Amino acid sequence: MGNVYNPGSQFIPRSPYGDRVDPLNPANQEFHSGQDFAASAGTPIPSAATGTVVYPGYNQNLGNTVIIKNDKLDELCLG
């Protein structure tokens, strides 16, 4: 899996999917299972696929976060 999601030019990539330097302990490498982007406050966030927002807010481990339950993944897992 690569960095295939591109939410648009108003978003700045901050941390890619895959191995990276641990931001809390730069002496270590870690696997990052997502992609991080920065944008101005109030910027609408496009989803990579249809789904339902299950959590928008601040997470102590993840920072500002939007978690979307993807409809297609449900079909694959349940179907």
C-alpha atoms as a PDB file:
ATOM      1  CA  MET A   1       0.000   0.000   0.000  1.00  0.00           C
ATOM      2  CA  GLY A   2       1.314   3.403  -0.888  1.00  0.00           C
ATOM      3  CA  ASN A   3       0.359   7.000  -0.386  1.00  0.00           C
ATOM      4  CA  VAL A   4      -2.610   6.926  -2.764  1.00  0.00           C
ATOM      5  CA  TYR A   5      -5.093   9.235  -1.027  1.00  0.00           C
ATOM      6  CA  ASN A   6      -4.867  12.851  -2.167  1.00  0.00           C
ATOM      7  CA  PRO A   7      -7.462  15.085  -0.466  1.00  0.00           C
ATOM      8  CA  GLY A   8      -6.551  18.128  -2.579  1.00  0.00           C
ATOM      9  CA  SER A   9      -4.151  21.028  -2.820  1.00  0.00           C
ATOM     10  CA  GLN A  10      -5.407  22.756   0.358  1.00  0.00           C
ATOM     11  CA  PHE A  11      -3.992  19.837   2.387  1.00  0.00           C
ATOM     12  CA  ILE A  12      -0.284  19.562   3.205  1.00  0.00           C
ATOM     13  CA  PRO A  13       1.086  16.010   3.694  1.00  0.00           C
ATOM     14  CA  ARG A  14       2.728  15.756   7.138  1.00  0.00           C
ATOM     15  CA  SER A  15       3.428  12.072   7.698  1.00  0.00           C
ATOM     16  CA  PRO A  16       3.083   9.237   5.153  1.00  0.00           C
ATOM     17  CA  TYR A  17       1.824   5.679   5.544  1.00  0.00           C
ATOM     18  CA  GLY A  18       4.589   3.199   6.395  1.00  0.00           C
ATOM     19  CA  ASP A  19       7.850   3.271   8.308  1.00  0.00           C
ATOM     20  CA  ARG A  20       8.853   6.631   9.760  1.00  0.00           C
ATOM     21  CA  VAL A  21      10.889   8.213  12.519  1.00  0.00           C
ATOM     22  CA  ASP A  22       8.867   8.127  15.756  1.00  0.00           C
ATOM     23  CA  PRO A  23       7.839  11.772  16.370  1.00  0.00           C
ATOM     24  CA  LEU A  24       7.902  11.234  20.151  1.00  0.00           C
ATOM     25  CA  ASN A  25      11.256   9.395  20.180  1.00  0.00           C
ATOM     26  CA  PRO A  26      13.366  10.313  17.105  1.00  0.00           C
ATOM     27  CA  ALA A  27      15.903   7.573  17.924  1.00  0.00           C
ATOM     28  CA  ASN A  28      13.270   4.935  16.992  1.00  0.00           C
ATOM     29  CA  GLN A  29      11.518   3.886  13.804  1.00  0.00           C
ATOM     30  CA  GLU A  30       7.814   3.012  13.870  1.00  0.00           C
ATOM     31  CA  PHE A  31       5.121   1.848  11.481  1.00  0.00           C
ATOM     32  CA  HIS A  32       2.532   4.554  10.784  1.00  0.00           C
ATOM     33  CA  SER A  33      -0.791   3.021   9.714  1.00  0.00           C
ATOM     34  CA  GLY A  34      -2.310   6.215   8.343  1.00  0.00           C
ATOM     35  CA  GLN A  35      -1.557   9.392   6.476  1.00  0.00           C
ATOM     36  CA  ASP A  36      -1.427  12.778   8.209  1.00  0.00           C
ATOM     37  CA  PHE A  37      -2.380  16.041   6.514  1.00  0.00           C
ATOM     38  CA  ALA A  38      -2.536  19.644   7.703  1.00  0.00           C
ATOM     39  CA  ALA A  39      -5.088  22.236   6.577  1.00  0.00           C
ATOM     40  CA  SER A  40      -6.496  25.517   7.811  1.00  0.00           C
ATOM     41  CA  ALA A  41      -9.172  25.370  10.495  1.00  0.00           C
ATOM     42  CA  GLY A  42     -12.626  25.033   8.958  1.00  0.00           C
ATOM     43  CA  THR A  43     -11.423  23.291   5.772  1.00  0.00           C
ATOM     44  CA  PRO A  44     -13.945  20.603   4.742  1.00  0.00           C
ATOM     45  CA  ILE A  45     -12.356  17.149   4.909  1.00  0.00           C
ATOM     46  CA  PRO A  46     -13.098  14.843   1.969  1.00  0.00           C
ATOM     47  CA  SER A  47     -13.395  11.128   2.643  1.00  0.00           C
ATOM     48  CA  ALA A  48     -11.547   8.580   0.507  1.00  0.00           C
ATOM     49  CA  ALA A  49     -14.813   6.603   0.253  1.00  0.00           C
ATOM     50  CA  THR A  50     -18.413   6.833   1.460  1.00  0.00           C
ATOM     51  CA  GLY A  51     -18.964   6.264   5.127  1.00  0.00           C
ATOM     52  CA  THR A  52     -20.112   7.676   8.432  1.00  0.00           C
ATOM     53  CA  VAL A  53     -18.092   9.941  10.714  1.00  0.00           C
ATOM     54  CA  VAL A  54     -17.819   8.056  14.009  1.00  0.00           C
ATOM     55  CA  TYR A  55     -15.413  10.441  15.754  1.00  0.00           C
ATOM     56  CA  PRO A  56     -14.356  14.010  15.016  1.00  0.00           C
ATOM     57  CA  GLY A  57     -12.160  15.635  17.630  1.00  0.00           C
ATOM     58  CA  TYR A  58      -8.926  15.533  19.561  1.00  0.00           C
ATOM     59  CA  ASN A  59      -7.304  12.228  20.521  1.00  0.00           C
ATOM     60  CA  GLN A  60      -4.423  12.198  23.010  1.00  0.00           C
ATOM     61  CA  ASN A  61      -2.419   9.743  20.887  1.00  0.00           C
ATOM     62  CA  LEU A  62      -3.437  10.893  17.401  1.00  0.00           C
ATOM     63  CA  GLY A  63      -4.014  14.641  17.741  1.00  0.00           C
ATOM     64  CA  ASN A  64      -6.881  16.217  15.772  1.00  0.00           C
ATOM     65  CA  THR A  65      -8.643  13.238  14.249  1.00  0.00           C
ATOM     66  CA  VAL A  66     -11.580  12.325  12.048  1.00  0.00           C
ATOM     67  CA  ILE A  67     -12.457   8.623  12.039  1.00  0.00           C
ATOM     68  CA  ILE A  68     -14.791   7.443   9.277  1.00  0.00           C
ATOM     69  CA  LYS A  69     -16.470   4.022   9.204  1.00  0.00           C
ATOM     70  CA  ASN A  70     -16.085   3.060   5.544  1.00  0.00           C
ATOM     71  CA  ASP A  71     -19.215   1.593   3.926  1.00  0.00           C
ATOM     72  CA  LYS A  72     -17.233  -0.514   1.421  1.00  0.00           C
ATOM     73  CA  LEU A  73     -15.125  -2.131   4.156  1.00  0.00           C
ATOM     74  CA  ASP A  74     -18.322  -3.133   5.954  1.00  0.00           C
ATOM     75  CA  GLU A  75     -19.579  -4.799   2.772  1.00  0.00           C
ATOM     76  CA  LEU A  76     -16.309  -6.698   2.371  1.00  0.00           C
ATOM     77  CA  CYS A  77     -16.225  -7.787   6.012  1.00  0.00           C
ATOM     78  CA  LEU A  78     -19.924  -8.653   6.325  1.00  0.00           C
ATOM     79  CA  GLY A  79     -20.631  -9.865   2.797  1.00  0.00           C
END
